[in-house]
Amino acid sequence: MNEDKYSLSARVFNQLQEDILSGKYKKDEELKEKALGEEYGVSRTPVREALRQLELEGLVSMIPNKGAKVVGFTPQDIYDIYEIRSMLEGLCARRAAKNAAPDLIAELEEIIYLTDFHAKRGHGKQVFELDNKFHEKLYEACGSKILANLLHDYHHYVQSVRKISLTSQERSVKSTAEHGAIVEAIKEHNEEKAQRLANNHIMNTMKNIEYYGWENIAKTEGQ
């Protein structure tokens, strides 16, 4: 019984988190337990538990006697996430240069080949999906479950922002080239170079986001 309860709560948490991060629920939108329970096909209890967990993550605010609402991200939140990601991805690439097996490197190269094909043709949706695959595979290549989980969360939190960044064909092509350089350094087992290139890659993404304006980007989170 407890296991079923936990499973339901975890499922609702994952789905609601995804719906908030993808923009289905807008910033400041109220989240009603009854309505969410009906949507997800569960009672109000797992919904309430999921909302409490999301409040701990800063995605939801619980208001006494009123319920919950979507918090969204501030410009500073987004900047902080990218700054932290730049350091963690650098460490990830460094670890990958030391630990990555040849088959994982080959998979990264295949992803880059496909991304380059779609980026040069302006296929934004495919580029975004392949960008996700690249980073997930890079996280796997580092050989650290703890580091991979941290990076996965930060990467997922800003998916709406990344979609906007990658709508620029010019940035998509440059981003793919940066991915390629990172993989070459990993293939050469050049740990220092891989770390520097991965760090710079995230910093370049931040610069591209700044081009759109942090305020406008933040409004997009949850819209």
Protein backbone atom coordinates (compact mmCIF):
# COMPACT_ATOMS: atom_id res chain seq x y z
CA MET A 1 0.00 0.00 0.00
CA ASN A 2 2.74 2.43 0.99
CA GLU A 3 4.70 1.45 -2.12
CA ASP A 4 1.67 2.13 -4.32
CA LYS A 5 1.16 5.46 -2.59
CA TYR A 6 4.79 6.39 -3.14
CA SER A 7 4.61 5.29 -6.76
CA LEU A 8 1.55 7.45 -7.41
CA SER A 9 3.11 10.47 -5.72
CA ALA A 10 6.34 10.03 -7.72
CA ARG A 11 4.41 9.70 -10.97
CA VAL A 12 2.38 12.84 -10.28
CA PHE A 13 5.53 14.69 -9.22
CA ASN A 14 7.36 13.77 -12.43
CA GLN A 15 4.43 14.67 -14.66
CA LEU A 16 3.65 17.93 -12.89
CA GLN A 17 7.32 18.94 -12.90
CA GLU A 18 7.45 18.25 -16.64
CA ASP A 19 4.25 20.25 -17.24
CA ILE A 20 5.67 23.23 -15.34
CA LEU A 21 9.09 23.13 -16.98
CA SER A 22 7.65 22.66 -20.47
CA GLY A 23 5.42 25.70 -20.00
CA LYS A 24 2.05 23.96 -19.86
CA TYR A 25 1.36 25.75 -16.59
CA LYS A 26 2.21 29.44 -16.62
CA LYS A 27 3.99 31.46 -13.99
CA ASP A 28 1.60 32.50 -11.16
CA GLU A 29 -1.04 30.05 -12.39
CA GLU A 30 -2.98 28.39 -9.58
CA LEU A 31 -2.72 24.63 -9.24
CA LYS A 32 -5.88 23.04 -7.84
CA GLU A 33 -5.48 19.64 -6.18
CA LYS A 34 -8.89 18.41 -7.34
CA ALA A 35 -8.37 19.47 -10.96
CA LEU A 36 -4.87 17.97 -11.06
CA GLY A 37 -6.13 14.75 -9.51
CA GLU A 38 -8.78 14.45 -12.20
CA GLU A 39 -6.26 15.21 -14.94
CA TYR A 40 -3.72 12.66 -13.71
CA GLY A 41 -6.31 10.09 -12.63
CA VAL A 42 -5.36 10.02 -8.94
CA SER A 43 -6.74 11.13 -5.59
CA ARG A 44 -5.83 14.45 -4.01
CA THR A 45 -3.30 12.88 -1.60
CA PRO A 46 -0.52 12.08 -4.12
CA VAL A 47 -1.14 15.45 -5.76
CA ARG A 48 -0.68 17.21 -2.43
CA GLU A 49 2.55 15.30 -1.76
CA ALA A 50 3.86 16.10 -5.23
CA LEU A 51 3.11 19.79 -4.73
CA ARG A 52 5.02 19.80 -1.44
CA GLN A 53 8.03 18.26 -3.15
CA LEU A 54 7.82 20.79 -5.98
CA GLU A 55 7.74 23.57 -3.38
CA LEU A 56 11.04 22.27 -2.00
CA GLU A 57 12.47 22.52 -5.53
CA GLY A 58 11.28 26.11 -5.81
CA LEU A 59 8.88 25.47 -8.70
CA VAL A 60 5.68 25.85 -6.66
CA SER A 61 4.59 28.10 -3.81
CA MET A 62 2.08 26.81 -1.25
CA ILE A 63 -0.26 29.52 0.01
CA PRO A 64 -2.14 28.79 3.27
CA ASN A 65 -5.88 28.34 2.73
CA LYS A 66 -5.50 29.08 -0.97
CA GLY A 67 -3.53 26.23 -2.53
CA ALA A 68 -0.51 26.30 -4.78
CA LYS A 69 0.76 28.42 -7.65
CA VAL A 70 3.57 28.16 -10.16
CA VAL A 71 6.64 30.19 -9.19
CA GLY A 72 8.72 29.94 -12.35
CA PHE A 73 12.29 31.19 -12.66
CA THR A 74 13.67 34.69 -12.22
CA PRO A 75 16.46 35.99 -14.51
CA GLN A 76 18.87 35.47 -11.62
CA ASP A 77 17.70 31.87 -11.21
CA ILE A 78 18.39 31.18 -14.88
CA TYR A 79 21.80 32.84 -14.74
CA ASP A 80 22.69 30.84 -11.62
CA ILE A 81 21.68 27.56 -13.26
CA TYR A 82 23.86 28.26 -16.29
CA GLU A 83 26.81 29.38 -14.19
CA ILE A 84 26.61 26.20 -12.13
CA ARG A 85 26.15 24.12 -15.28
CA SER A 86 29.27 25.62 -16.83
CA MET A 87 31.38 24.35 -13.96
CA LEU A 88 29.69 20.96 -13.68
CA GLU A 89 29.77 20.30 -17.42
CA GLY A 90 33.46 21.15 -17.45
CA LEU A 91 34.04 18.57 -14.73
CA CYS A 92 31.85 16.10 -16.60
CA ALA A 93 33.86 16.48 -19.83
CA ARG A 94 37.11 16.14 -17.87
CA ARG A 95 35.87 12.89 -16.33
CA ALA A 96 34.68 11.68 -19.73
CA ALA A 97 38.13 12.30 -21.24
CA LYS A 98 39.51 10.03 -18.55
CA ASN A 99 36.78 7.36 -18.40
CA ALA A 100 34.76 7.26 -21.63
CA ALA A 101 34.72 3.93 -23.46
CA PRO A 102 35.21 3.90 -27.27
CA ASP A 103 31.59 2.87 -27.89
CA LEU A 104 30.29 5.90 -25.97
CA ILE A 105 32.59 8.23 -27.88
CA ALA A 106 31.33 6.71 -31.13
CA GLU A 107 27.74 7.38 -30.05
CA LEU A 108 28.61 11.01 -29.28
CA GLU A 109 30.19 11.38 -32.72
CA GLU A 110 27.08 9.92 -34.37
CA ILE A 111 24.86 12.40 -32.52
CA ILE A 112 27.06 15.29 -33.65
CA TYR A 113 26.91 14.09 -37.27
CA LEU A 114 23.10 14.02 -37.17
CA THR A 115 22.87 17.35 -35.34
CA ASP A 116 25.10 19.04 -37.91
CA PHE A 117 22.86 17.72 -40.70
CA HIS A 118 19.70 19.15 -39.14
CA ALA A 119 21.29 22.38 -37.85
CA LYS A 120 22.47 23.38 -41.32
CA ARG A 121 18.93 22.82 -42.62
CA GLY A 122 17.21 24.78 -39.86
CA HIS A 123 15.40 21.77 -38.38
CA GLY A 124 14.94 23.24 -34.90
CA LYS A 125 12.90 20.41 -33.37
CA GLN A 126 15.39 17.75 -34.38
CA VAL A 127 18.32 19.87 -33.21
CA PHE A 128 16.73 20.31 -29.78
CA GLU A 129 16.07 16.58 -29.43
CA LEU A 130 19.62 15.72 -30.51
CA ASP A 131 21.05 18.35 -28.17
CA ASN A 132 19.26 16.54 -25.34
CA LYS A 133 20.71 13.22 -26.48
CA PHE A 134 24.22 14.64 -26.70
CA HIS A 135 24.22 15.97 -23.16
CA GLU A 136 22.61 12.82 -21.74
CA LYS A 137 25.27 10.70 -23.43
CA LEU A 138 28.02 13.05 -22.23
CA TYR A 139 26.73 12.73 -18.67
CA GLU A 140 26.79 8.96 -19.03
CA ALA A 141 30.36 9.09 -20.35
CA CYS A 142 31.68 10.86 -17.25
CA GLY A 143 31.31 7.67 -15.23
CA SER A 144 29.80 9.39 -12.18
CA LYS A 145 26.17 8.71 -11.31
CA ILE A 146 26.08 11.59 -8.82
CA LEU A 147 27.44 14.13 -11.30
CA ALA A 148 25.21 12.82 -14.08
CA ASN A 149 22.08 13.18 -11.94
CA LEU A 150 22.96 16.75 -10.96
CA LEU A 151 23.58 17.75 -14.56
CA HIS A 152 20.42 16.05 -15.76
CA ASP A 153 18.34 18.13 -13.34
CA TYR A 154 19.97 21.46 -14.26
CA HIS A 155 19.73 20.64 -17.96
CA HIS A 156 16.05 19.79 -17.61
CA TYR A 157 15.17 22.88 -15.56
CA VAL A 158 15.96 25.24 -18.43
CA GLN A 159 14.50 23.31 -21.34
CA SER A 160 12.28 26.21 -22.41
CA VAL A 161 15.27 28.54 -22.42
CA ARG A 162 17.33 26.08 -24.44
CA LYS A 163 14.56 25.78 -27.01
CA ILE A 164 14.69 29.52 -27.58
CA SER A 165 18.47 29.57 -27.80
CA LEU A 166 18.51 26.78 -30.38
CA THR A 167 15.90 28.45 -32.59
CA SER A 168 18.80 30.48 -33.97
CA GLN A 169 20.26 28.47 -36.85
CA GLU A 170 23.57 30.30 -36.46
CA ARG A 171 23.75 29.32 -32.79
CA SER A 172 22.70 25.74 -33.57
CA VAL A 173 25.55 25.32 -36.04
CA LYS A 174 28.08 26.87 -33.65
CA SER A 175 26.80 24.79 -30.75
CA THR A 176 27.22 21.62 -32.79
CA ALA A 177 30.78 22.60 -33.67
CA GLU A 178 31.48 23.19 -29.97
CA HIS A 179 30.10 19.75 -29.17
CA GLY A 180 32.39 18.29 -31.80
CA ALA A 181 35.45 19.97 -30.31
CA ILE A 182 34.55 18.64 -26.85
CA VAL A 183 34.27 15.10 -28.18
CA GLU A 184 37.59 15.39 -30.00
CA ALA A 185 39.26 16.40 -26.75
CA ILE A 186 37.59 13.47 -24.98
CA LYS A 187 38.75 11.14 -27.74
CA GLU A 188 42.29 12.43 -27.29
CA HIS A 189 41.97 11.90 -23.51
CA ASN A 190 42.92 15.54 -23.06
CA GLU A 191 41.19 16.19 -19.75
CA GLU A 192 42.16 19.85 -19.35
CA LYS A 193 41.10 20.76 -22.89
CA ALA A 194 37.80 18.88 -22.62
CA GLN A 195 36.99 20.68 -19.38
CA ARG A 196 37.82 24.11 -20.81
CA LEU A 197 35.81 23.54 -24.00
CA ALA A 198 32.75 22.27 -22.12
CA ASN A 199 32.89 25.20 -19.74
CA ASN A 200 33.18 27.64 -22.65
CA HIS A 201 30.30 25.93 -24.44
CA ILE A 202 27.88 26.68 -21.61
CA MET A 203 29.23 30.23 -21.28
CA ASN A 204 28.64 30.76 -25.01
CA THR A 205 25.09 29.52 -24.55
CA MET A 206 24.63 32.07 -21.78
CA LYS A 207 25.85 34.85 -24.06
CA ASN A 208 23.38 33.76 -26.71
CA ILE A 209 20.56 33.82 -24.16
CA GLU A 210 21.58 37.30 -23.03
CA TYR A 211 21.07 38.41 -26.62
CA TYR A 212 17.36 37.73 -26.17
CA GLY A 213 17.31 39.49 -22.78
CA TRP A 214 17.08 37.75 -19.42
CA GLU A 215 13.73 39.35 -18.61
CA ASN A 216 12.13 38.07 -21.80
CA ILE A 217 13.64 34.62 -21.30
CA ALA A 218 12.33 34.44 -17.74
CA LYS A 219 8.83 35.33 -18.91
CA THR A 220 8.99 32.41 -21.31
CA GLU A 221 9.60 30.00 -18.45
CA GLY A 222 6.09 28.91 -17.60
CA GLN A 223 4.45 30.37 -20.69
